[in-house]
Amino acid sequence: MSLDAIIAIRATEEEARQEIQRAQEAAQQAIEAAHRDGKARVASTITRAEAEIAHLTRAMDNKATDEAMELASSTANRQATLLARADRRLDAAAMLIFERIVSV
């Protein structure tokens, strides 16, 4: 084998090694970019989920407040009705007691 052929083979091998090195570096950069992109997407998804949770929590709090106020109003109405009925019965009971005392 001639010296020129050996030099050409070594040059080709060196070019191949450099190409492999460049390909490995490019692959490593692609992997790192994919990791960064994946982390960014996960962070974005978490942020959106947290915002949605906060929105749903506020909505549920508002609904619970509305229902509590409705229940309080209903309870106040029932209380007023019961008090009015109790007052009427108290008047009737007082009249019965008065009639029995007077008729004795």
C-alpha atoms as a PDB file:
ATOM      1  CA  MET A   1       0.000   0.000   0.000  1.00  0.00           C
ATOM      2  CA  SER A   2       1.396   3.351  -0.909  1.00  0.00           C
ATOM      3  CA  LEU A   3       1.964   6.213   1.474  1.00  0.00           C
ATOM      4  CA  ASP A   4      -0.611   8.327  -0.375  1.00  0.00           C
ATOM      5  CA  ALA A   5      -3.255   5.612   0.096  1.00  0.00           C
ATOM      6  CA  ILE A   6      -2.480   5.337   3.830  1.00  0.00           C
ATOM      7  CA  ILE A   7      -2.702   9.116   4.209  1.00  0.00           C
ATOM      8  CA  ALA A   8      -5.999   9.169   2.305  1.00  0.00           C
ATOM      9  CA  ILE A   9      -7.417   6.366   4.489  1.00  0.00           C
ATOM     10  CA  ARG A  10      -6.346   8.163   7.679  1.00  0.00           C
ATOM     11  CA  ALA A  11      -7.855  11.416   6.412  1.00  0.00           C
ATOM     12  CA  THR A  12     -11.113   9.618   5.613  1.00  0.00           C
ATOM     13  CA  GLU A  13     -11.102   7.954   9.059  1.00  0.00           C
ATOM     14  CA  GLU A  14     -10.471  11.327  10.705  1.00  0.00           C
ATOM     15  CA  GLU A  15     -13.313  12.885   8.725  1.00  0.00           C
ATOM     16  CA  ALA A  16     -15.563  10.001   9.795  1.00  0.00           C
ATOM     17  CA  ARG A  17     -14.573  10.477  13.469  1.00  0.00           C
ATOM     18  CA  GLN A  18     -15.274  14.204  13.210  1.00  0.00           C
ATOM     19  CA  GLU A  19     -18.634  13.537  11.540  1.00  0.00           C
ATOM     20  CA  ILE A  20     -19.509  11.070  14.294  1.00  0.00           C
ATOM     21  CA  GLN A  21     -18.467  13.643  16.906  1.00  0.00           C
ATOM     22  CA  ARG A  22     -20.626  16.328  15.254  1.00  0.00           C
ATOM     23  CA  ALA A  23     -23.556  13.915  15.057  1.00  0.00           C
ATOM     24  CA  GLN A  24     -23.175  13.006  18.739  1.00  0.00           C
ATOM     25  CA  GLU A  25     -23.016  16.701  19.704  1.00  0.00           C
ATOM     26  CA  ALA A  26     -26.078  17.453  17.593  1.00  0.00           C
ATOM     27  CA  ALA A  27     -27.930  14.533  19.159  1.00  0.00           C
ATOM     28  CA  GLN A  28     -26.954  15.710  22.658  1.00  0.00           C
ATOM     29  CA  GLN A  29     -28.164  19.232  21.854  1.00  0.00           C
ATOM     30  CA  ALA A  30     -31.437  17.822  20.510  1.00  0.00           C
ATOM     31  CA  ILE A  31     -31.898  15.786  23.703  1.00  0.00           C
ATOM     32  CA  GLU A  32     -31.200  18.840  25.866  1.00  0.00           C
ATOM     33  CA  ALA A  33     -33.619  20.947  23.803  1.00  0.00           C
ATOM     34  CA  ALA A  34     -36.276  18.252  24.142  1.00  0.00           C
ATOM     35  CA  HIS A  35     -35.743  18.179  27.923  1.00  0.00           C
ATOM     36  CA  ARG A  36     -36.044  21.975  28.122  1.00  0.00           C
ATOM     37  CA  ASP A  37     -39.149  21.950  25.952  1.00  0.00           C
ATOM     38  CA  GLY A  38     -40.671  19.136  28.009  1.00  0.00           C
ATOM     39  CA  LYS A  39     -39.974  20.959  31.273  1.00  0.00           C
ATOM     40  CA  ALA A  40     -41.468  24.160  29.856  1.00  0.00           C
ATOM     41  CA  ARG A  41     -44.597  22.314  28.739  1.00  0.00           C
ATOM     42  CA  VAL A  42     -44.966  20.620  32.132  1.00  0.00           C
ATOM     43  CA  ALA A  43     -44.534  23.979  33.891  1.00  0.00           C
ATOM     44  CA  SER A  44     -47.103  25.560  31.558  1.00  0.00           C
ATOM     45  CA  THR A  45     -49.555  22.726  32.180  1.00  0.00           C
ATOM     46  CA  ILE A  46     -49.076  23.012  35.936  1.00  0.00           C
ATOM     47  CA  THR A  47     -49.649  26.774  35.767  1.00  0.00           C
ATOM     48  CA  ARG A  48     -52.847  26.306  33.747  1.00  0.00           C
ATOM     49  CA  ALA A  49     -54.056  23.587  36.128  1.00  0.00           C
ATOM     50  CA  GLU A  50     -53.374  25.771  39.168  1.00  0.00           C
ATOM     51  CA  ALA A  51     -55.257  28.657  37.558  1.00  0.00           C
ATOM     52  CA  GLU A  52     -58.194  26.384  36.768  1.00  0.00           C
ATOM     53  CA  ILE A  53     -58.190  25.025  40.321  1.00  0.00           C
ATOM     54  CA  ALA A  54     -58.190  28.585  41.691  1.00  0.00           C
ATOM     55  CA  HIS A  55     -61.080  29.498  39.365  1.00  0.00           C
ATOM     56  CA  LEU A  56     -63.090  26.415  40.354  1.00  0.00           C
ATOM     57  CA  THR A  57     -62.375  27.048  44.036  1.00  0.00           C
ATOM     58  CA  ARG A  58     -63.644  30.634  43.738  1.00  0.00           C
ATOM     59  CA  ALA A  59     -66.726  29.415  41.879  1.00  0.00           C
ATOM     60  CA  MET A  60     -67.446  26.787  44.536  1.00  0.00           C
ATOM     61  CA  ASP A  61     -66.893  29.341  47.315  1.00  0.00           C
ATOM     62  CA  ASN A  62     -69.341  31.727  45.633  1.00  0.00           C
ATOM     63  CA  LYS A  63     -71.876  28.948  45.188  1.00  0.00           C
ATOM     64  CA  ALA A  64     -71.480  27.852  48.812  1.00  0.00           C
ATOM     65  CA  THR A  65     -71.911  31.457  49.967  1.00  0.00           C
ATOM     66  CA  ASP A  66     -75.049  31.871  47.862  1.00  0.00           C
ATOM     67  CA  GLU A  67     -76.502  28.608  49.177  1.00  0.00           C
ATOM     68  CA  ALA A  68     -75.655  29.552  52.772  1.00  0.00           C
ATOM     69  CA  MET A  69     -77.350  32.930  52.340  1.00  0.00           C
ATOM     70  CA  GLU A  70     -80.398  31.252  50.797  1.00  0.00           C
ATOM     71  CA  LEU A  71     -80.525  28.789  53.683  1.00  0.00           C
ATOM     72  CA  ALA A  72     -80.156  31.615  56.218  1.00  0.00           C
ATOM     73  CA  SER A  73     -82.986  33.525  54.534  1.00  0.00           C
ATOM     74  CA  SER A  74     -85.181  30.439  54.502  1.00  0.00           C
ATOM     75  CA  THR A  75     -84.359  29.760  58.146  1.00  0.00           C
ATOM     76  CA  ALA A  76     -85.148  33.373  59.085  1.00  0.00           C
ATOM     77  CA  ASN A  77     -88.510  33.100  57.308  1.00  0.00           C
ATOM     78  CA  ARG A  78     -89.312  29.850  59.102  1.00  0.00           C
ATOM     79  CA  GLN A  79     -88.263  31.400  62.406  1.00  0.00           C
ATOM     80  CA  ALA A  80     -90.536  34.395  61.826  1.00  0.00           C
ATOM     81  CA  THR A  81     -93.420  32.072  60.935  1.00  0.00           C
ATOM     82  CA  LEU A  82     -92.862  29.963  64.054  1.00  0.00           C
ATOM     83  CA  LEU A  83     -92.609  33.042  66.260  1.00  0.00           C
ATOM     84  CA  ALA A  84     -95.855  34.441  64.834  1.00  0.00           C
ATOM     85  CA  ARG A  85     -97.588  31.109  65.400  1.00  0.00           C
ATOM     86  CA  ALA A  86     -96.191  30.931  68.935  1.00  0.00           C
ATOM     87  CA  ASP A  87     -97.449  34.480  69.650  1.00  0.00           C
ATOM     88  CA  ARG A  88    -100.942  33.548  68.442  1.00  0.00           C
ATOM     89  CA  ARG A  89    -100.923  30.391  70.556  1.00  0.00           C
ATOM     90  CA  LEU A  90     -99.604  32.343  73.531  1.00  0.00           C
ATOM     91  CA  ASP A  91    -102.511  34.779  73.195  1.00  0.00           C
ATOM     92  CA  ALA A  92    -104.951  31.880  72.949  1.00  0.00           C
ATOM     93  CA  ALA A  93    -103.386  30.148  75.951  1.00  0.00           C
ATOM     94  CA  ALA A  94    -103.543  33.370  77.984  1.00  0.00           C
ATOM     95  CA  MET A  95    -107.235  33.735  77.121  1.00  0.00           C
ATOM     96  CA  LEU A  96    -107.921  30.128  78.182  1.00  0.00           C
ATOM     97  CA  ILE A  97    -106.119  30.630  81.468  1.00  0.00           C
ATOM     98  CA  PHE A  98    -107.947  33.933  82.049  1.00  0.00           C
ATOM     99  CA  GLU A  99    -111.350  32.338  81.286  1.00  0.00           C
ATOM    100  CA  ARG A 100    -110.704  29.452  83.672  1.00  0.00           C
ATOM    101  CA  ILE A 101    -109.538  31.746  86.433  1.00  0.00           C
ATOM    102  CA  VAL A 102    -112.506  34.115  85.976  1.00  0.00           C
ATOM    103  CA  SER A 103    -115.039  31.286  85.752  1.00  0.00           C
ATOM    104  CA  VAL A 104    -113.855  29.646  88.970  1.00  0.00           C
END
